[in-house]
Each structure stands twice: as structure tokens, then as C-alpha cells.
Amino acid sequence: MYSNKTLGRLAGLFFLVLAVTGIFAEFFVRQKLFVPGDFSATTENIINNQWLFRLGFISDLIMSTAFFVYAFILYVIFKNVSKSVSLFMLLCVVISVAMYCQNMLNQFSALEFLINTEYSVAFNNEQLKSLSSYYFNIHGHGYLVNQIFYGLYLFPLGYMIFKSGLVPKIIGVFLILGCIGDLIDFVVHFLYPGTHSVLLNNITIPADIGEISLCLWLIIMGVKNKTIQ
């Protein structure tokens, strides 16, 4: 038997884990290794920083695992608000996590082509570098495809927060806006590649504000203290 406050703080801690590991993998690994438009430099970075590349890979998988546990705890908290909506939220996360983990194989393939000597029998060095860069690039596109279900999970969560008042309603509003922003970002990426504007470059900010605010609120305040079986 746990209270909402305890579960809320536990959820906040798991979100903190996924945020830290996700930020590390994206900004301290991929952003450091990937050189846009220069596959040769990208592959050289991967070869020369294999341990960092592998650490980023593991960090991403830890992030995905933490995201799944975080969503399950939220399901337990909010199922009394709406069991069907909370279940929909959880299913969106389950699909998102599965897609993300599968997509990580594309990123790992970028390393495999460079270090597995069996591939050098069929491809020369430049071809291997090109294939490596291709899979690294495909991983980036896969990340945007995954954003469909990552974005969709924000809407039911925001709705339940707004409806229940267990957490400040303004956080729920930001999460709902975040869902819309993430889905627009996905559509623009694939229908209008290369499109840039101040609005589009910042369209996922509401999601960031909502999730960071929710994480901090859960860790510091928890949610309204109501006993849950």
C-alpha cells in the first residue's frame, strides 16, 4: 500500500534518471560524434571514440527502461482518474519504448560496419564509412518517427493532470500543447524537410517545460496524498 505522494516522488526520480541519461546520450555523445554533411568525419569520430559511443548506447537504453517504469507508476497514480485514458497513456509509452529500443540498433549498426572485419570482405573502406553514416542518419529519422507515440503520451497525461488537479493544472496545459508541438514537428520533418523558422525551431519547448515542471513537482511535492491499493 503506497500513497500518491510516495508514488509521485518515485515517478519523479525515474523521470530524472531518463532525463539525465537521455541528455547525456544526445548532447554529449551524438552531438559530439555526428558531423552534419560529413560522413567521413562522423565515422572517424565513431572509430576514435568507441567507448563513448557504446556508453551513449547504454545510456539510451537506460533512458528507455526508466521511461517505461515512470509511465507505469503514472498509470497507477492516475487510473482512478480515468482507467481508460491512463491505459492509453501507458500503451503509447510501451509502443514508444519498443520503437526506440529497436531504432537503437540502427545507431549500433553504425559502429558494427566500422569495427567488424567480416564486412570488409564485401565492402571497401569508403563503402563501409558510407553505410555507417547511413545507419547513423536513419537512427535520427527513426527518432522522429518515434515522436508520434512519444507526443501522443503527453496528451492523456496532460488531460488527467488538468482534470484531477493532483498536480498543478498549468503543467497539464503545457503537456497537451507539447503533444501538438511534437506531432507538428514530426509532420514537418518528413513532409517539408529542411524547413526552418523561429516557430518550428522552438515548437517542442512546451513539451520540455511541461515535463521538466512535472518532474520537479513530483520530486519536491509529490501528488495529493491519497492511499492506493
C-alpha atoms as a PDB file:
ATOM      1  CA  MET A   1       0.000   0.000   0.000  1.00  0.00           C
ATOM      2  CA  TYR A   2       1.553   3.248  -1.148  1.00  0.00           C
ATOM      3  CA  SER A   3       0.433   6.855  -1.048  1.00  0.00           C
ATOM      4  CA  ASN A   4       0.153   9.062  -4.092  1.00  0.00           C
ATOM      5  CA  LYS A   5       2.836  11.308  -2.623  1.00  0.00           C
ATOM      6  CA  THR A   6       5.299   8.425  -2.388  1.00  0.00           C
ATOM      7  CA  LEU A   7       4.476   7.148  -5.858  1.00  0.00           C
ATOM      8  CA  GLY A   8       4.681  10.647  -7.285  1.00  0.00           C
ATOM      9  CA  ARG A   9       8.170  11.185  -5.909  1.00  0.00           C
ATOM     10  CA  LEU A  10       9.237   7.774  -7.186  1.00  0.00           C
ATOM     11  CA  ALA A  11       7.912   8.674 -10.646  1.00  0.00           C
ATOM     12  CA  GLY A  12       9.811  11.960 -10.471  1.00  0.00           C
ATOM     13  CA  LEU A  13      13.045  10.144  -9.661  1.00  0.00           C
ATOM     14  CA  PHE A  14      12.621   7.790 -12.620  1.00  0.00           C
ATOM     15  CA  PHE A  15      11.948  10.751 -14.886  1.00  0.00           C
ATOM     16  CA  LEU A  16      15.105  12.394 -13.566  1.00  0.00           C
ATOM     17  CA  VAL A  17      17.050   9.249 -14.492  1.00  0.00           C
ATOM     18  CA  LEU A  18      15.620   9.216 -18.020  1.00  0.00           C
ATOM     19  CA  ALA A  19      16.280  12.945 -18.418  1.00  0.00           C
ATOM     20  CA  VAL A  20      19.926  12.709 -17.322  1.00  0.00           C
ATOM     21  CA  THR A  21      20.706   9.611 -19.418  1.00  0.00           C
ATOM     22  CA  GLY A  22      18.814  10.991 -22.430  1.00  0.00           C
ATOM     23  CA  ILE A  23      20.590  14.358 -22.277  1.00  0.00           C
ATOM     24  CA  PHE A  24      23.960  12.639 -21.954  1.00  0.00           C
ATOM     25  CA  ALA A  25      23.322  10.341 -24.943  1.00  0.00           C
ATOM     26  CA  GLU A  26      22.064  13.147 -27.161  1.00  0.00           C
ATOM     27  CA  PHE A  27      24.245  16.138 -26.287  1.00  0.00           C
ATOM     28  CA  PHE A  28      27.451  14.527 -25.021  1.00  0.00           C
ATOM     29  CA  VAL A  29      27.583  11.604 -27.446  1.00  0.00           C
ATOM     30  CA  ARG A  30      25.576  12.032 -30.679  1.00  0.00           C
ATOM     31  CA  GLN A  31      26.037  15.787 -30.943  1.00  0.00           C
ATOM     32  CA  LYS A  32      29.761  15.334 -30.333  1.00  0.00           C
ATOM     33  CA  LEU A  33      30.242  12.494 -32.821  1.00  0.00           C
ATOM     34  CA  PHE A  34      27.871  13.386 -35.659  1.00  0.00           C
ATOM     35  CA  VAL A  35      29.120  15.953 -38.180  1.00  0.00           C
ATOM     36  CA  PRO A  36      26.226  17.045 -40.462  1.00  0.00           C
ATOM     37  CA  GLY A  37      27.037  16.563 -44.137  1.00  0.00           C
ATOM     38  CA  ASP A  38      30.417  14.944 -43.478  1.00  0.00           C
ATOM     39  CA  PHE A  39      30.113  11.171 -43.163  1.00  0.00           C
ATOM     40  CA  SER A  40      33.870  10.727 -43.230  1.00  0.00           C
ATOM     41  CA  ALA A  41      34.381  12.933 -40.170  1.00  0.00           C
ATOM     42  CA  THR A  42      31.412  11.265 -38.436  1.00  0.00           C
ATOM     43  CA  THR A  43      32.777   7.772 -38.939  1.00  0.00           C
ATOM     44  CA  GLU A  44      36.250   8.832 -37.829  1.00  0.00           C
ATOM     45  CA  ASN A  45      34.713  10.229 -34.645  1.00  0.00           C
ATOM     46  CA  ILE A  46      32.909   6.948 -34.021  1.00  0.00           C
ATOM     47  CA  ILE A  47      36.067   4.895 -34.578  1.00  0.00           C
ATOM     48  CA  ASN A  48      38.151   7.129 -32.314  1.00  0.00           C
ATOM     49  CA  ASN A  49      35.510   7.304 -29.581  1.00  0.00           C
ATOM     50  CA  GLN A  50      34.132   3.765 -29.463  1.00  0.00           C
ATOM     51  CA  TRP A  51      33.843   3.652 -25.679  1.00  0.00           C
ATOM     52  CA  LEU A  52      31.908   6.926 -25.622  1.00  0.00           C
ATOM     53  CA  PHE A  53      29.684   5.645 -28.442  1.00  0.00           C
ATOM     54  CA  ARG A  54      28.907   2.448 -26.502  1.00  0.00           C
ATOM     55  CA  LEU A  55      28.290   4.414 -23.318  1.00  0.00           C
ATOM     56  CA  GLY A  56      25.778   6.585 -25.172  1.00  0.00           C
ATOM     57  CA  PHE A  57      24.088   3.442 -26.498  1.00  0.00           C
ATOM     58  CA  ILE A  58      23.710   2.029 -22.976  1.00  0.00           C
ATOM     59  CA  SER A  59      22.531   5.408 -21.661  1.00  0.00           C
ATOM     60  CA  ASP A  60      19.765   5.487 -24.270  1.00  0.00           C
ATOM     61  CA  LEU A  61      18.575   2.019 -23.241  1.00  0.00           C
ATOM     62  CA  ILE A  62      18.607   3.006 -19.565  1.00  0.00           C
ATOM     63  CA  MET A  63      16.551   6.044 -20.520  1.00  0.00           C
ATOM     64  CA  SER A  64      14.002   3.843 -22.304  1.00  0.00           C
ATOM     65  CA  THR A  65      13.737   1.487 -19.335  1.00  0.00           C
ATOM     66  CA  ALA A  66      13.282   4.376 -16.912  1.00  0.00           C
ATOM     67  CA  PHE A  67      10.610   5.852 -19.205  1.00  0.00           C
ATOM     68  CA  PHE A  68       8.652   2.594 -19.105  1.00  0.00           C
ATOM     69  CA  VAL A  69       8.778   2.379 -15.289  1.00  0.00           C
ATOM     70  CA  TYR A  70       7.911   6.084 -14.989  1.00  0.00           C
ATOM     71  CA  ALA A  71       4.839   5.610 -17.186  1.00  0.00           C
ATOM     72  CA  PHE A  72       3.696   2.562 -15.231  1.00  0.00           C
ATOM     73  CA  ILE A  73       3.883   4.490 -11.954  1.00  0.00           C
ATOM     74  CA  LEU A  74       1.872   7.316 -13.544  1.00  0.00           C
ATOM     75  CA  TYR A  75      -0.685   4.734 -14.675  1.00  0.00           C
ATOM     76  CA  VAL A  76      -1.048   3.525 -11.080  1.00  0.00           C
ATOM     77  CA  ILE A  77      -1.472   7.103  -9.856  1.00  0.00           C
ATOM     78  CA  PHE A  78      -3.966   8.239 -12.492  1.00  0.00           C
ATOM     79  CA  LYS A  79      -6.001   5.082 -13.119  1.00  0.00           C
ATOM     80  CA  ASN A  80      -8.515   6.275 -10.512  1.00  0.00           C
ATOM     81  CA  VAL A  81      -8.941   9.473 -12.539  1.00  0.00           C
ATOM     82  CA  SER A  82      -9.675   7.561 -15.740  1.00  0.00           C
ATOM     83  CA  LYS A  83      -8.608   3.969 -16.212  1.00  0.00           C
ATOM     84  CA  SER A  84      -9.112   4.037 -19.981  1.00  0.00           C
ATOM     85  CA  VAL A  85      -7.181   7.294 -20.503  1.00  0.00           C
ATOM     86  CA  SER A  86      -4.357   6.219 -18.194  1.00  0.00           C
ATOM     87  CA  LEU A  87      -4.165   2.880 -20.016  1.00  0.00           C
ATOM     88  CA  PHE A  88      -3.983   4.700 -23.356  1.00  0.00           C
ATOM     89  CA  MET A  89      -1.114   6.782 -21.979  1.00  0.00           C
ATOM     90  CA  LEU A  90       0.722   3.659 -20.833  1.00  0.00           C
ATOM     91  CA  LEU A  91       0.208   1.913 -24.183  1.00  0.00           C
ATOM     92  CA  CYS A  92       1.621   4.946 -26.029  1.00  0.00           C
ATOM     93  CA  VAL A  93       4.726   4.753 -23.859  1.00  0.00           C
ATOM     94  CA  VAL A  94       5.076   0.983 -24.321  1.00  0.00           C
ATOM     95  CA  ILE A  95       4.963   1.407 -28.107  1.00  0.00           C
ATOM     96  CA  SER A  96       7.343   4.364 -27.941  1.00  0.00           C
ATOM     97  CA  VAL A  97       9.857   2.451 -25.806  1.00  0.00           C
ATOM     98  CA  ALA A  98       9.717  -0.599 -28.107  1.00  0.00           C
ATOM     99  CA  MET A  99      10.234   1.576 -31.192  1.00  0.00           C
ATOM    100  CA  TYR A 100      13.070   3.482 -29.538  1.00  0.00           C
ATOM    101  CA  CYS A 101      14.935   0.331 -28.461  1.00  0.00           C
ATOM    102  CA  GLN A 102      14.566  -1.188 -31.924  1.00  0.00           C
ATOM    103  CA  ASN A 103      15.762   2.043 -33.529  1.00  0.00           C
ATOM    104  CA  MET A 104      18.870   1.985 -31.338  1.00  0.00           C
ATOM    105  CA  LEU A 105      20.049  -0.995 -33.403  1.00  0.00           C
ATOM    106  CA  ASN A 106      20.375   1.404 -36.340  1.00  0.00           C
ATOM    107  CA  GLN A 107      22.762   3.501 -34.287  1.00  0.00           C
ATOM    108  CA  PHE A 108      24.748   0.466 -33.147  1.00  0.00           C
ATOM    109  CA  SER A 109      24.950  -0.725 -36.762  1.00  0.00           C
ATOM    110  CA  ALA A 110      26.950   2.418 -37.494  1.00  0.00           C
ATOM    111  CA  LEU A 111      29.664   1.062 -35.207  1.00  0.00           C
ATOM    112  CA  GLU A 112      29.353  -2.538 -36.404  1.00  0.00           C
ATOM    113  CA  PHE A 113      30.129  -1.630 -40.009  1.00  0.00           C
ATOM    114  CA  LEU A 114      33.309   0.091 -38.905  1.00  0.00           C
ATOM    115  CA  ILE A 115      34.778  -2.441 -36.475  1.00  0.00           C
ATOM    116  CA  ASN A 116      33.530  -5.837 -37.680  1.00  0.00           C
ATOM    117  CA  THR A 117      36.194  -7.118 -40.067  1.00  0.00           C
ATOM    118  CA  GLU A 118      33.750  -9.566 -41.689  1.00  0.00           C
ATOM    119  CA  TYR A 119      32.151  -6.665 -43.575  1.00  0.00           C
ATOM    120  CA  SER A 120      35.457  -5.618 -45.140  1.00  0.00           C
ATOM    121  CA  VAL A 121      35.303  -8.750 -47.308  1.00  0.00           C
ATOM    122  CA  ALA A 122      32.271  -7.419 -49.184  1.00  0.00           C
ATOM    123  CA  PHE A 123      32.818  -3.650 -48.922  1.00  0.00           C
ATOM    124  CA  ASN A 124      35.798  -1.348 -49.233  1.00  0.00           C
ATOM    125  CA  ASN A 125      36.669   1.214 -46.571  1.00  0.00           C
ATOM    126  CA  GLU A 126      34.776   4.119 -48.149  1.00  0.00           C
ATOM    127  CA  GLN A 127      31.655   1.996 -48.644  1.00  0.00           C
ATOM    128  CA  LEU A 128      31.761   0.902 -45.003  1.00  0.00           C
ATOM    129  CA  LYS A 129      32.030   4.512 -43.886  1.00  0.00           C
ATOM    130  CA  SER A 130      29.112   5.460 -46.114  1.00  0.00           C
ATOM    131  CA  LEU A 131      26.964   2.612 -44.747  1.00  0.00           C
ATOM    132  CA  SER A 132      27.899   3.537 -41.194  1.00  0.00           C
ATOM    133  CA  SER A 133      26.880   7.148 -41.742  1.00  0.00           C
ATOM    134  CA  TYR A 134      23.660   5.993 -43.415  1.00  0.00           C
ATOM    135  CA  TYR A 135      22.573   3.964 -40.375  1.00  0.00           C
ATOM    136  CA  PHE A 136      23.512   6.787 -38.036  1.00  0.00           C
ATOM    137  CA  ASN A 137      21.338   9.090 -40.146  1.00  0.00           C
ATOM    138  CA  ILE A 138      18.474   6.569 -40.254  1.00  0.00           C
ATOM    139  CA  HIS A 139      18.566   6.462 -36.462  1.00  0.00           C
ATOM    140  CA  GLY A 140      17.871  10.199 -36.477  1.00  0.00           C
ATOM    141  CA  HIS A 141      14.840   9.734 -38.715  1.00  0.00           C
ATOM    142  CA  GLY A 142      13.663   6.847 -36.550  1.00  0.00           C
ATOM    143  CA  TYR A 143      13.821   9.141 -33.546  1.00  0.00           C
ATOM    144  CA  LEU A 144      11.332  11.457 -35.271  1.00  0.00           C
ATOM    145  CA  VAL A 145       9.036   8.525 -36.164  1.00  0.00           C
ATOM    146  CA  ASN A 146       9.064   7.504 -32.517  1.00  0.00           C
ATOM    147  CA  GLN A 147       7.945  11.023 -31.686  1.00  0.00           C
ATOM    148  CA  ILE A 148       4.428  10.062 -32.830  1.00  0.00           C
ATOM    149  CA  PHE A 149       3.793   7.937 -29.771  1.00  0.00           C
ATOM    150  CA  TYR A 150       6.057   9.966 -27.507  1.00  0.00           C
ATOM    151  CA  GLY A 151       3.981  13.006 -28.399  1.00  0.00           C
ATOM    152  CA  LEU A 152       0.701  11.138 -28.010  1.00  0.00           C
ATOM    153  CA  TYR A 153       1.510  10.074 -24.442  1.00  0.00           C
ATOM    154  CA  LEU A 154       1.678  13.729 -23.424  1.00  0.00           C
ATOM    155  CA  PHE A 155      -1.962  14.425 -24.288  1.00  0.00           C
ATOM    156  CA  PRO A 156      -3.663  11.861 -21.990  1.00  0.00           C
ATOM    157  CA  LEU A 157      -1.211  12.685 -19.205  1.00  0.00           C
ATOM    158  CA  GLY A 158      -1.900  16.400 -19.561  1.00  0.00           C
ATOM    159  CA  TYR A 159      -5.640  15.755 -19.692  1.00  0.00           C
ATOM    160  CA  MET A 160      -5.620  13.691 -16.494  1.00  0.00           C
ATOM    161  CA  ILE A 161      -3.494  16.257 -14.683  1.00  0.00           C
ATOM    162  CA  PHE A 162      -5.858  19.050 -15.748  1.00  0.00           C
ATOM    163  CA  LYS A 163      -8.957  17.040 -14.834  1.00  0.00           C
ATOM    164  CA  SER A 164      -7.751  15.712 -11.470  1.00  0.00           C
ATOM    165  CA  GLY A 165      -5.803  18.617 -10.043  1.00  0.00           C
ATOM    166  CA  LEU A 166      -3.376  16.144  -8.458  1.00  0.00           C
ATOM    167  CA  VAL A 167      -0.640  18.278  -9.980  1.00  0.00           C
ATOM    168  CA  PRO A 168      -0.970  21.989 -10.956  1.00  0.00           C
ATOM    169  CA  LYS A 169      -3.250  22.225 -13.983  1.00  0.00           C
ATOM    170  CA  ILE A 170      -0.893  24.547 -15.842  1.00  0.00           C
ATOM    171  CA  ILE A 171       1.530  21.628 -16.175  1.00  0.00           C
ATOM    172  CA  GLY A 172      -1.239  19.658 -17.855  1.00  0.00           C
ATOM    173  CA  VAL A 173      -1.804  22.521 -20.303  1.00  0.00           C
ATOM    174  CA  PHE A 174       1.887  22.570 -21.264  1.00  0.00           C
ATOM    175  CA  LEU A 175       1.857  18.794 -21.779  1.00  0.00           C
ATOM    176  CA  ILE A 176      -1.168  18.995 -24.083  1.00  0.00           C
ATOM    177  CA  LEU A 177       0.490  21.803 -26.061  1.00  0.00           C
ATOM    178  CA  GLY A 178       3.639  19.687 -26.090  1.00  0.00           C
ATOM    179  CA  CYS A 179       1.748  16.831 -27.725  1.00  0.00           C
ATOM    180  CA  ILE A 180       0.583  19.136 -30.502  1.00  0.00           C
ATOM    181  CA  GLY A 181       4.080  20.564 -30.951  1.00  0.00           C
ATOM    182  CA  ASP A 182       5.736  17.140 -31.147  1.00  0.00           C
ATOM    183  CA  LEU A 183       3.274  15.912 -33.768  1.00  0.00           C
ATOM    184  CA  ILE A 184       3.708  19.057 -35.858  1.00  0.00           C
ATOM    185  CA  ASP A 185       7.479  18.634 -35.620  1.00  0.00           C
ATOM    186  CA  PHE A 186       7.154  15.059 -36.921  1.00  0.00           C
ATOM    187  CA  VAL A 187       4.918  16.056 -39.859  1.00  0.00           C
ATOM    188  CA  VAL A 188       7.115  18.987 -40.905  1.00  0.00           C
ATOM    189  CA  HIS A 189      10.280  16.885 -40.718  1.00  0.00           C
ATOM    190  CA  PHE A 190       9.014  14.357 -43.244  1.00  0.00           C
ATOM    191  CA  LEU A 191       6.734  16.472 -45.455  1.00  0.00           C
ATOM    192  CA  TYR A 192       8.826  19.631 -45.580  1.00  0.00           C
ATOM    193  CA  PRO A 193      12.441  18.599 -44.884  1.00  0.00           C
ATOM    194  CA  GLY A 194      14.842  21.435 -44.338  1.00  0.00           C
ATOM    195  CA  THR A 195      12.099  23.881 -43.343  1.00  0.00           C
ATOM    196  CA  HIS A 196      13.227  26.270 -40.612  1.00  0.00           C
ATOM    197  CA  SER A 197      11.575  29.106 -38.742  1.00  0.00           C
ATOM    198  CA  VAL A 198      11.650  30.516 -35.239  1.00  0.00           C
ATOM    199  CA  LEU A 199       8.309  28.827 -34.504  1.00  0.00           C
ATOM    200  CA  LEU A 200       9.312  25.409 -35.841  1.00  0.00           C
ATOM    201  CA  ASN A 201      12.717  25.503 -34.168  1.00  0.00           C
ATOM    202  CA  ASN A 202      11.038  26.045 -30.794  1.00  0.00           C
ATOM    203  CA  ILE A 203       7.821  24.095 -31.266  1.00  0.00           C
ATOM    204  CA  THR A 204       8.782  21.336 -28.805  1.00  0.00           C
ATOM    205  CA  ILE A 205       9.517  23.803 -25.981  1.00  0.00           C
ATOM    206  CA  PRO A 206       6.035  23.414 -24.364  1.00  0.00           C
ATOM    207  CA  ALA A 207       6.706  19.668 -24.022  1.00  0.00           C
ATOM    208  CA  ASP A 208      10.072  20.379 -22.403  1.00  0.00           C
ATOM    209  CA  ILE A 209       8.559  22.910 -19.998  1.00  0.00           C
ATOM    210  CA  GLY A 210       5.695  20.572 -19.098  1.00  0.00           C
ATOM    211  CA  GLU A 211       7.866  17.511 -18.494  1.00  0.00           C
ATOM    212  CA  ILE A 212      10.608  19.330 -16.572  1.00  0.00           C
ATOM    213  CA  SER A 213       7.987  21.097 -14.434  1.00  0.00           C
ATOM    214  CA  LEU A 214       6.216  17.802 -13.786  1.00  0.00           C
ATOM    215  CA  CYS A 215       9.476  16.104 -12.821  1.00  0.00           C
ATOM    216  CA  LEU A 216      10.416  18.842 -10.354  1.00  0.00           C
ATOM    217  CA  TRP A 217       6.908  18.980  -8.886  1.00  0.00           C
ATOM    218  CA  LEU A 218       6.772  15.213  -8.403  1.00  0.00           C
ATOM    219  CA  ILE A 219      10.179  15.066  -6.725  1.00  0.00           C
ATOM    220  CA  ILE A 220       9.597  18.048  -4.434  1.00  0.00           C
ATOM    221  CA  MET A 221       5.853  17.939  -3.783  1.00  0.00           C
ATOM    222  CA  GLY A 222       4.647  14.557  -4.966  1.00  0.00           C
ATOM    223  CA  VAL A 223       0.906  14.462  -5.658  1.00  0.00           C
ATOM    224  CA  LYS A 224      -2.076  14.785  -3.377  1.00  0.00           C
ATOM    225  CA  ASN A 225      -1.790  12.201  -0.663  1.00  0.00           C
ATOM    226  CA  LYS A 226      -4.389   9.551  -1.337  1.00  0.00           C
ATOM    227  CA  THR A 227      -3.931   5.905  -0.420  1.00  0.00           C
ATOM    228  CA  ILE A 228      -3.659   3.486  -3.328  1.00  0.00           C
ATOM    229  CA  GLN A 229      -4.001  -0.279  -3.029  1.00  0.00           C
END
